[in-house]
Amino acid sequence: MKVADVARATGMSKTTLHKLYNGQSTRIDFETLEKLCVLLNVEVGDLLKFKQEE
């Protein structure tokens, strides 16, 4: 799935999606998580992974 496809399906900006994809986001809101989970038919835990800072 291309970023443009996700942007069209969710109404999210391509910039936001590129930042998420490239690990450049510093935060993510619940609405964004919900849109991605619904589109991809996954749970939040399938998208996020906790990584403890060293």
PDB file of N, CA and C in Angstrom:
ATOM      1  N   MET A   1       0.853  -1.171   0.000  1.00  0.00           N
ATOM      2  CA  MET A   1       0.000   0.000   0.000  1.00  0.00           C
ATOM      3  C   MET A   1       0.901   1.236   0.000  1.00  0.00           C
ATOM      4  N   LYS A   2       0.604   2.171  -0.842  1.00  0.00           N
ATOM      5  CA  LYS A   2       1.390   3.401  -0.939  1.00  0.00           C
ATOM      6  C   LYS A   2       0.871   4.446   0.042  1.00  0.00           C
ATOM      7  N   VAL A   3       1.746   5.390   0.384  1.00  0.00           N
ATOM      8  CA  VAL A   3       1.369   6.474   1.295  1.00  0.00           C
ATOM      9  C   VAL A   3       0.168   7.228   0.735  1.00  0.00           C
ATOM     10  N   ALA A   4       0.147   7.458  -0.554  1.00  0.00           N
ATOM     11  CA  ALA A   4      -0.976   8.174  -1.174  1.00  0.00           C
ATOM     12  C   ALA A   4      -2.283   7.418  -0.977  1.00  0.00           C
ATOM     13  N   ASP A   5      -2.242   6.087  -1.034  1.00  0.00           N
ATOM     14  CA  ASP A   5      -3.443   5.273  -0.816  1.00  0.00           C
ATOM     15  C   ASP A   5      -3.946   5.432   0.619  1.00  0.00           C
ATOM     16  N   VAL A   6      -3.026   5.397   1.565  1.00  0.00           N
ATOM     17  CA  VAL A   6      -3.397   5.545   2.983  1.00  0.00           C
ATOM     18  C   VAL A   6      -3.941   6.950   3.226  1.00  0.00           C
ATOM     19  N   ALA A   7      -3.319   7.948   2.638  1.00  0.00           N
ATOM     20  CA  ALA A   7      -3.780   9.335   2.799  1.00  0.00           C
ATOM     21  C   ALA A   7      -5.198   9.488   2.275  1.00  0.00           C
ATOM     22  N   ARG A   8      -5.468   8.943   1.107  1.00  0.00           N
ATOM     23  CA  ARG A   8      -6.813   9.016   0.528  1.00  0.00           C
ATOM     24  C   ARG A   8      -7.842   8.294   1.393  1.00  0.00           C
ATOM     25  N   ALA A   9      -7.482   7.118   1.873  1.00  0.00           N
ATOM     26  CA  ALA A   9      -8.427   6.300   2.636  1.00  0.00           C
ATOM     27  C   ALA A   9      -8.702   6.844   4.029  1.00  0.00           C
ATOM     28  N   THR A  10      -7.726   7.546   4.619  1.00  0.00           N
ATOM     29  CA  THR A  10      -7.879   8.009   6.000  1.00  0.00           C
ATOM     30  C   THR A  10      -8.118   9.501   6.131  1.00  0.00           C
ATOM     31  N   GLY A  11      -7.791  10.260   5.091  1.00  0.00           N
ATOM     32  CA  GLY A  11      -7.899  11.711   5.172  1.00  0.00           C
ATOM     33  C   GLY A  11      -6.701  12.340   5.881  1.00  0.00           C
ATOM     34  N   MET A  12      -5.689  11.533   6.173  1.00  0.00           N
ATOM     35  CA  MET A  12      -4.488  12.044   6.827  1.00  0.00           C
ATOM     36  C   MET A  12      -3.553  12.640   5.776  1.00  0.00           C
ATOM     37  N   SER A  13      -2.693  13.565   6.213  1.00  0.00           N
ATOM     38  CA  SER A  13      -1.764  14.183   5.266  1.00  0.00           C
ATOM     39  C   SER A  13      -0.617  13.239   4.942  1.00  0.00           C
ATOM     40  N   LYS A  14      -0.089  13.392   3.738  1.00  0.00           N
ATOM     41  CA  LYS A  14       1.052  12.581   3.328  1.00  0.00           C
ATOM     42  C   LYS A  14       2.263  12.874   4.213  1.00  0.00           C
ATOM     43  N   THR A  15       2.415  14.116   4.626  1.00  0.00           N
ATOM     44  CA  THR A  15       3.537  14.498   5.493  1.00  0.00           C
ATOM     45  C   THR A  15       3.485  13.726   6.799  1.00  0.00           C
ATOM     46  N   THR A  16       2.319  13.682   7.412  1.00  0.00           N
ATOM     47  CA  THR A  16       2.151  12.936   8.664  1.00  0.00           C
ATOM     48  C   THR A  16       2.476  11.467   8.461  1.00  0.00           C
ATOM     49  N   LEU A  17       1.970  10.902   7.397  1.00  0.00           N
ATOM     50  CA  LEU A  17       2.204   9.486   7.126  1.00  0.00           C
ATOM     51  C   LEU A  17       3.671   9.189   6.839  1.00  0.00           C
ATOM     52  N   HIS A  18       4.328  10.063   6.105  1.00  0.00           N
ATOM     53  CA  HIS A  18       5.758   9.873   5.843  1.00  0.00           C
ATOM     54  C   HIS A  18       6.562   9.923   7.147  1.00  0.00           C
ATOM     55  N   LYS A  19       6.220  10.857   8.030  1.00  0.00           N
ATOM     56  CA  LYS A  19       6.917  10.955   9.317  1.00  0.00           C
ATOM     57  C   LYS A  19       6.718   9.695  10.148  1.00  0.00           C
ATOM     58  N   LEU A  20       5.511   9.172  10.159  1.00  0.00           N
ATOM     59  CA  LEU A  20       5.242   7.936  10.897  1.00  0.00           C
ATOM     60  C   LEU A  20       6.022   6.775  10.299  1.00  0.00           C
ATOM     61  N   TYR A  21       5.988   6.658   9.002  1.00  0.00           N
ATOM     62  CA  TYR A  21       6.651   5.554   8.309  1.00  0.00           C
ATOM     63  C   TYR A  21       8.165   5.581   8.523  1.00  0.00           C
ATOM     64  N   ASN A  22       8.732   6.766   8.516  1.00  0.00           N
ATOM     65  CA  ASN A  22      10.183   6.914   8.642  1.00  0.00           C
ATOM     66  C   ASN A  22      10.668   7.054  10.080  1.00  0.00           C
ATOM     67  N   GLY A  23       9.756   6.934  11.047  1.00  0.00           N
ATOM     68  CA  GLY A  23      10.136   7.009  12.448  1.00  0.00           C
ATOM     69  C   GLY A  23      10.555   8.397  12.898  1.00  0.00           C
ATOM     70  N   GLN A  24      10.032   9.427  12.268  1.00  0.00           N
ATOM     71  CA  GLN A  24      10.397  10.802  12.580  1.00  0.00           C
ATOM     72  C   GLN A  24       9.377  11.505  13.457  1.00  0.00           C
ATOM     73  N   SER A  25       8.272  10.851  13.770  1.00  0.00           N
ATOM     74  CA  SER A  25       7.241  11.457  14.611  1.00  0.00           C
ATOM     75  C   SER A  25       7.653  11.381  16.068  1.00  0.00           C
ATOM     76  N   THR A  26       7.301  12.411  16.810  1.00  0.00           N
ATOM     77  CA  THR A  26       7.589  12.414  18.242  1.00  0.00           C
ATOM     78  C   THR A  26       6.366  12.036  19.058  1.00  0.00           C
ATOM     79  N   ARG A  27       5.202  12.024  18.398  1.00  0.00           N
ATOM     80  CA  ARG A  27       3.968  11.629  19.081  1.00  0.00           C
ATOM     81  C   ARG A  27       2.957  11.169  18.040  1.00  0.00           C
ATOM     82  N   ILE A  28       1.920  10.488  18.523  1.00  0.00           N
ATOM     83  CA  ILE A  28       0.824  10.072  17.649  1.00  0.00           C
ATOM     84  C   ILE A  28      -0.457  10.169  18.466  1.00  0.00           C
ATOM     85  N   ASP A  29      -1.507  10.731  17.877  1.00  0.00           N
ATOM     86  CA  ASP A  29      -2.739  10.884  18.644  1.00  0.00           C
ATOM     87  C   ASP A  29      -3.671   9.694  18.415  1.00  0.00           C
ATOM     88  N   PHE A  30      -4.658   9.587  19.278  1.00  0.00           N
ATOM     89  CA  PHE A  30      -5.572   8.444  19.250  1.00  0.00           C
ATOM     90  C   PHE A  30      -6.382   8.376  17.959  1.00  0.00           C
ATOM     91  N   GLU A  31      -6.744   9.520  17.411  1.00  0.00           N
ATOM     92  CA  GLU A  31      -7.512   9.540  16.160  1.00  0.00           C
ATOM     93  C   GLU A  31      -6.689   8.939  15.015  1.00  0.00           C
ATOM     94  N   THR A  32      -5.418   9.271  14.971  1.00  0.00           N
ATOM     95  CA  THR A  32      -4.526   8.725  13.950  1.00  0.00           C
ATOM     96  C   THR A  32      -4.403   7.216  14.100  1.00  0.00           C
ATOM     97  N   LEU A  33      -4.190   6.759  15.331  1.00  0.00           N
ATOM     98  CA  LEU A  33      -4.107   5.321  15.588  1.00  0.00           C
ATOM     99  C   LEU A  33      -5.384   4.612  15.159  1.00  0.00           C
ATOM    100  N   GLU A  34      -6.507   5.201  15.505  1.00  0.00           N
ATOM    101  CA  GLU A  34      -7.789   4.587  15.153  1.00  0.00           C
ATOM    102  C   GLU A  34      -7.954   4.466  13.639  1.00  0.00           C
ATOM    103  N   LYS A  35      -7.638   5.530  12.913  1.00  0.00           N
ATOM    104  CA  LYS A  35      -7.778   5.506  11.453  1.00  0.00           C
ATOM    105  C   LYS A  35      -6.900   4.422  10.835  1.00  0.00           C
ATOM    106  N   LEU A  36      -5.666   4.313  11.317  1.00  0.00           N
ATOM    107  CA  LEU A  36      -4.758   3.309  10.776  1.00  0.00           C
ATOM    108  C   LEU A  36      -5.216   1.897  11.125  1.00  0.00           C
ATOM    109  N   CYS A  37      -5.678   1.706  12.361  1.00  0.00           N
ATOM    110  CA  CYS A  37      -6.151   0.384  12.774  1.00  0.00           C
ATOM    111  C   CYS A  37      -7.370  -0.053  11.962  1.00  0.00           C
ATOM    112  N   VAL A  38      -8.290   0.848  11.751  1.00  0.00           N
ATOM    113  CA  VAL A  38      -9.492   0.527  10.975  1.00  0.00           C
ATOM    114  C   VAL A  38      -9.104   0.196   9.534  1.00  0.00           C
ATOM    115  N   LEU A  39      -8.274   1.027   8.933  1.00  0.00           N
ATOM    116  CA  LEU A  39      -7.868   0.804   7.548  1.00  0.00           C
ATOM    117  C   LEU A  39      -7.144  -0.527   7.370  1.00  0.00           C
ATOM    118  N   LEU A  40      -6.238  -0.822   8.288  1.00  0.00           N
ATOM    119  CA  LEU A  40      -5.409  -2.018   8.161  1.00  0.00           C
ATOM    120  C   LEU A  40      -6.011  -3.255   8.828  1.00  0.00           C
ATOM    121  N   ASN A  41      -7.137  -3.038   9.541  1.00  0.00           N
ATOM    122  CA  ASN A  41      -7.810  -4.124  10.252  1.00  0.00           C
ATOM    123  C   ASN A  41      -6.860  -4.816  11.246  1.00  0.00           C
ATOM    124  N   VAL A  42      -6.232  -3.994  12.081  1.00  0.00           N
ATOM    125  CA  VAL A  42      -5.289  -4.484  13.086  1.00  0.00           C
ATOM    126  C   VAL A  42      -5.594  -3.836  14.436  1.00  0.00           C
ATOM    127  N   GLU A  43      -4.937  -4.319  15.476  1.00  0.00           N
ATOM    128  CA  GLU A  43      -5.033  -3.732  16.807  1.00  0.00           C
ATOM    129  C   GLU A  43      -3.872  -2.762  17.005  1.00  0.00           C
ATOM    130  N   VAL A  44      -4.007  -1.878  17.976  1.00  0.00           N
ATOM    131  CA  VAL A  44      -2.962  -0.894  18.262  1.00  0.00           C
ATOM    132  C   VAL A  44      -1.622  -1.582  18.509  1.00  0.00           C
ATOM    133  N   GLY A  45      -1.625  -2.683  19.228  1.00  0.00           N
ATOM    134  CA  GLY A  45      -0.401  -3.409  19.533  1.00  0.00           C
ATOM    135  C   GLY A  45       0.297  -3.968  18.298  1.00  0.00           C
ATOM    136  N   ASP A  46      -0.436  -4.082  17.210  1.00  0.00           N
ATOM    137  CA  ASP A  46       0.172  -4.545  15.966  1.00  0.00           C
ATOM    138  C   ASP A  46       0.971  -3.421  15.290  1.00  0.00           C
ATOM    139  N   LEU A  47       0.646  -2.175  15.651  1.00  0.00           N
ATOM    140  CA  LEU A  47       1.322  -1.021  15.042  1.00  0.00           C
ATOM    141  C   LEU A  47       2.467  -0.490  15.892  1.00  0.00           C
ATOM    142  N   LEU A  48       2.324  -0.600  17.200  1.00  0.00           N
ATOM    143  CA  LEU A  48       3.297   0.013  18.108  1.00  0.00           C
ATOM    144  C   LEU A  48       4.126  -1.025  18.842  1.00  0.00           C
ATOM    145  N   LYS A  49       5.348  -0.636  19.135  1.00  0.00           N
ATOM    146  CA  LYS A  49       6.236  -1.490  19.907  1.00  0.00           C
ATOM    147  C   LYS A  49       6.970  -0.606  20.909  1.00  0.00           C
ATOM    148  N   PHE A  50       6.988  -1.002  22.162  1.00  0.00           N
ATOM    149  CA  PHE A  50       7.674  -0.234  23.196  1.00  0.00           C
ATOM    150  C   PHE A  50       9.158  -0.523  23.132  1.00  0.00           C
ATOM    151  N   LYS A  51       9.947   0.539  23.090  1.00  0.00           N
ATOM    152  CA  LYS A  51      11.389   0.401  23.070  1.00  0.00           C
ATOM    153  C   LYS A  51      11.955   1.294  24.163  1.00  0.00           C
ATOM    154  N   GLN A  52      12.499   0.689  25.185  1.00  0.00           N
ATOM    155  CA  GLN A  52      13.026   1.446  26.316  1.00  0.00           C
ATOM    156  C   GLN A  52      14.323   2.153  25.910  1.00  0.00           C
ATOM    157  N   GLU A  53      14.410   3.435  26.280  1.00  0.00           N
ATOM    158  CA  GLU A  53      15.615   4.182  25.976  1.00  0.00           C
ATOM    159  C   GLU A  53      16.750   3.726  26.859  1.00  0.00           C
ATOM    160  N   GLU A  54      17.933   3.718  26.315  1.00  0.00           N
ATOM    161  CA  GLU A  54      19.101   3.276  27.076  1.00  0.00           C
ATOM    162  C   GLU A  54      19.763   4.425  27.784  1.00  0.00           C
TER     163      GLU A  54
END
